[in-house]
Every structure is written in structure tokens, then in C-alpha cells.
Amino acid sequence: MKKTYAGSCQCGAVRFESDIDLAEGTSKCNCSICTKTRNWKAIVKADAFRLLEGDDALTDYPHGGVHHFFCNRCGVHPFGRGRMEELGSDFYAISVVCLDNAALEELVKAPVSYQDGRNENWESAPDETRHL
């Protein structure tokens, strides 16, 4: 069931909300940026995301067809934005660790899938995932 989550960066300059069903799954990828930022994300369609505050505090780092946003004050990566033809629309990749009102139990129960983005094999998990 979808729930409206409030999210933010570390310093609070960027605040957003998003309608997410964590039980539908989350994902981790082994591409260079996801590995280095340890990105754990939930994908939502664009209409399920609302930036409430901090547009002026966001810096865009475009990589791999996705706009990876980070707070230019504290450096936290709260979300990214891109387009996925499989969804038929724009999407947001929400960093689940930036969801302020996600209970630990919800995060623990959220299924995690893995993508081998390093080899652009998005439909398969990499051989090793323990470091993600």
C-alpha cells in the first residue's frame, strides 16, 4: 500500500515528499555512481514526487541518462530523476535512507533487487552484492 513519505537531506535544506509502496520493492545497483554513493532507491513515477523546498540547494550531476541531485550544502543525494520507457514516463529514484518517516521495520521488510549497471545488464543481478 502506498504511503506518503517525507524526505530530506542531512541539513534539511532539501525537503520532499513521495508516495511509495516499499513492499513493491527497492533496488541497488553496482554502476559507478550508485556504488560510490551506496544508493538504495525506490522508483516512483513523476506524479508521485513533490519537491517542497530546496530547489536552489540542489546541484545536478547528470550521469548514465539520470540526473543525480545532491544538496550543495551537506552533499547528501536525496533523489535522482530520469526517463524509463518501461514505465512509459519520467521517474524519480528516491533514496530510501532519506525518508524521514520510514520506520526501521518498513526498511527491513522492503524487498531489494540488484542490477548489474556496471555492465549495463539491468535485468540481472551482479555476481556479488554484499558490498552494495
Protein backbone atom coordinates (compact mmCIF):
# COMPACT_ATOMS: atom_id res chain seq x y z
CA MET A 1 0.00 0.00 0.00
CA LYS A 2 1.33 3.43 -0.93
CA LYS A 3 2.25 5.78 1.87
CA THR A 4 3.27 9.42 1.67
CA TYR A 5 6.81 9.71 2.97
CA ALA A 6 8.55 12.92 3.93
CA GLY A 7 12.19 13.10 2.97
CA SER A 8 15.13 15.43 3.29
CA CYS A 9 18.87 15.83 3.01
CA GLN A 10 21.06 15.88 6.15
CA CYS A 11 20.94 19.64 6.72
CA GLY A 12 17.24 19.98 5.86
CA ALA A 13 17.73 22.46 3.00
CA VAL A 14 16.08 19.98 0.60
CA ARG A 15 12.68 18.63 1.58
CA PHE A 16 10.35 16.47 -0.47
CA GLU A 17 7.51 14.03 -0.20
CA SER A 18 6.75 10.97 -2.25
CA ASP A 19 4.06 8.33 -2.46
CA ILE A 20 5.83 4.97 -2.24
CA ASP A 21 4.90 1.37 -1.59
CA LEU A 22 8.13 -0.02 -0.14
CA ALA A 23 6.63 -3.52 -0.29
CA GLU A 24 6.73 -3.23 -4.10
CA GLY A 25 10.49 -3.27 -3.84
CA THR A 26 13.63 -1.22 -3.74
CA SER A 27 16.88 -1.62 -5.62
CA LYS A 28 20.63 -1.28 -5.50
CA CYS A 29 22.95 -1.08 -8.47
CA ASN A 30 26.65 -1.67 -8.98
CA CYS A 31 27.22 1.13 -11.52
CA SER A 32 29.97 3.58 -10.61
CA ILE A 33 27.79 6.32 -9.11
CA CYS A 34 25.44 4.00 -7.21
CA THR A 35 28.39 2.07 -5.78
CA LYS A 36 30.23 5.19 -4.66
CA THR A 37 27.13 6.80 -3.12
CA ARG A 38 25.79 3.47 -1.80
CA ASN A 39 22.46 4.36 -3.38
CA TRP A 40 19.47 2.36 -2.17
CA LYS A 41 16.44 3.54 -4.07
CA ALA A 42 12.73 3.22 -4.67
CA ILE A 43 11.50 4.15 -8.13
CA VAL A 44 8.30 6.20 -8.46
CA LYS A 45 6.57 7.86 -11.38
CA ALA A 46 6.99 11.63 -11.59
CA ASP A 47 3.48 12.37 -10.31
CA ALA A 48 4.28 10.58 -7.04
CA PHE A 49 7.08 13.03 -6.16
CA ARG A 50 6.86 16.58 -4.84
CA LEU A 51 9.81 18.86 -4.10
CA LEU A 52 8.70 21.00 -1.17
CA GLU A 53 11.79 23.05 -0.52
CA GLY A 54 15.37 23.46 -1.65
CA ASP A 55 15.39 23.72 -5.43
CA ASP A 56 18.10 26.37 -5.00
CA ALA A 57 20.16 23.98 -2.84
CA LEU A 58 20.23 21.17 -5.41
CA THR A 59 23.10 20.51 -7.78
CA ASP A 60 22.52 18.24 -10.76
CA TYR A 61 25.12 15.67 -11.72
CA PRO A 62 23.93 14.05 -14.98
CA HIS A 63 25.32 10.53 -15.39
CA GLY A 64 24.10 7.50 -17.28
CA GLY A 65 20.93 9.21 -18.51
CA VAL A 66 19.82 10.12 -14.99
CA HIS A 67 20.02 13.46 -13.21
CA HIS A 68 21.59 12.68 -9.83
CA PHE A 69 20.78 15.54 -7.47
CA PHE A 70 22.71 16.36 -4.34
CA CYS A 71 22.42 19.10 -1.75
CA ASN A 72 25.12 21.68 -2.38
CA ARG A 73 25.25 22.41 1.37
CA CYS A 74 25.56 18.97 3.01
CA GLY A 75 26.33 16.74 -0.02
CA VAL A 76 23.53 14.20 0.52
CA HIS A 77 21.93 12.62 -2.59
CA PRO A 78 18.19 12.52 -1.76
CA PHE A 79 16.87 11.59 -5.23
CA GLY A 80 17.52 11.38 -8.94
CA ARG A 81 15.32 11.92 -11.98
CA GLY A 82 15.22 10.23 -15.37
CA ARG A 83 13.02 8.67 -18.00
CA MET A 84 12.29 4.95 -18.24
CA GLU A 85 10.45 3.67 -21.29
CA GLU A 86 9.39 0.57 -19.30
CA LEU A 87 7.38 2.91 -17.05
CA GLY A 88 6.30 4.97 -20.02
CA SER A 89 7.17 8.14 -18.16
CA ASP A 90 9.63 10.18 -16.20
CA PHE A 91 10.61 8.73 -12.84
CA TYR A 92 12.26 9.66 -9.58
CA ALA A 93 14.73 7.40 -7.83
CA ILE A 94 14.19 8.17 -4.15
CA SER A 95 16.99 7.39 -1.72
CA VAL A 96 15.10 5.38 0.89
CA VAL A 97 17.62 6.32 3.58
CA CYS A 98 16.47 9.94 3.13
CA LEU A 99 12.87 9.09 4.07
CA ASP A 100 12.45 10.75 7.44
CA ASN A 101 9.27 8.94 8.47
CA ALA A 102 10.13 5.45 7.21
CA ALA A 103 10.16 3.13 10.19
CA LEU A 104 13.12 0.80 10.53
CA GLU A 105 10.72 -2.14 10.25
CA GLU A 106 9.48 -0.86 6.86
CA LEU A 107 13.02 -0.58 5.53
CA VAL A 108 14.00 -4.02 6.81
CA LYS A 109 10.94 -5.61 5.18
CA ALA A 110 11.34 -3.80 1.85
CA PRO A 111 12.43 -6.27 -0.84
CA VAL A 112 15.73 -5.37 -2.52
CA SER A 113 16.61 -6.26 -6.09
CA TYR A 114 20.01 -5.74 -7.65
CA GLN A 115 21.03 -4.53 -11.11
CA ASP A 116 24.32 -5.06 -12.87
CA GLY A 117 24.57 -1.48 -14.08
CA ARG A 118 28.34 -1.67 -14.30
CA ASN A 119 27.91 -3.99 -17.28
CA GLU A 120 24.64 -2.37 -18.46
CA ASN A 121 22.89 -5.65 -17.70
CA TRP A 122 19.93 -4.05 -15.95
CA GLU A 123 17.79 -7.18 -15.93
CA SER A 124 20.30 -9.27 -13.96
CA ALA A 125 21.92 -9.06 -10.57
CA PRO A 126 25.70 -8.81 -10.41
CA ASP A 127 27.58 -11.87 -9.18
CA GLU A 128 28.49 -10.08 -5.94
CA THR A 129 26.10 -7.81 -4.00
CA ARG A 130 27.41 -7.83 -0.43
CA HIS A 131 29.25 -4.52 -0.91
CA LEU A 132 26.14 -2.75 -2.18
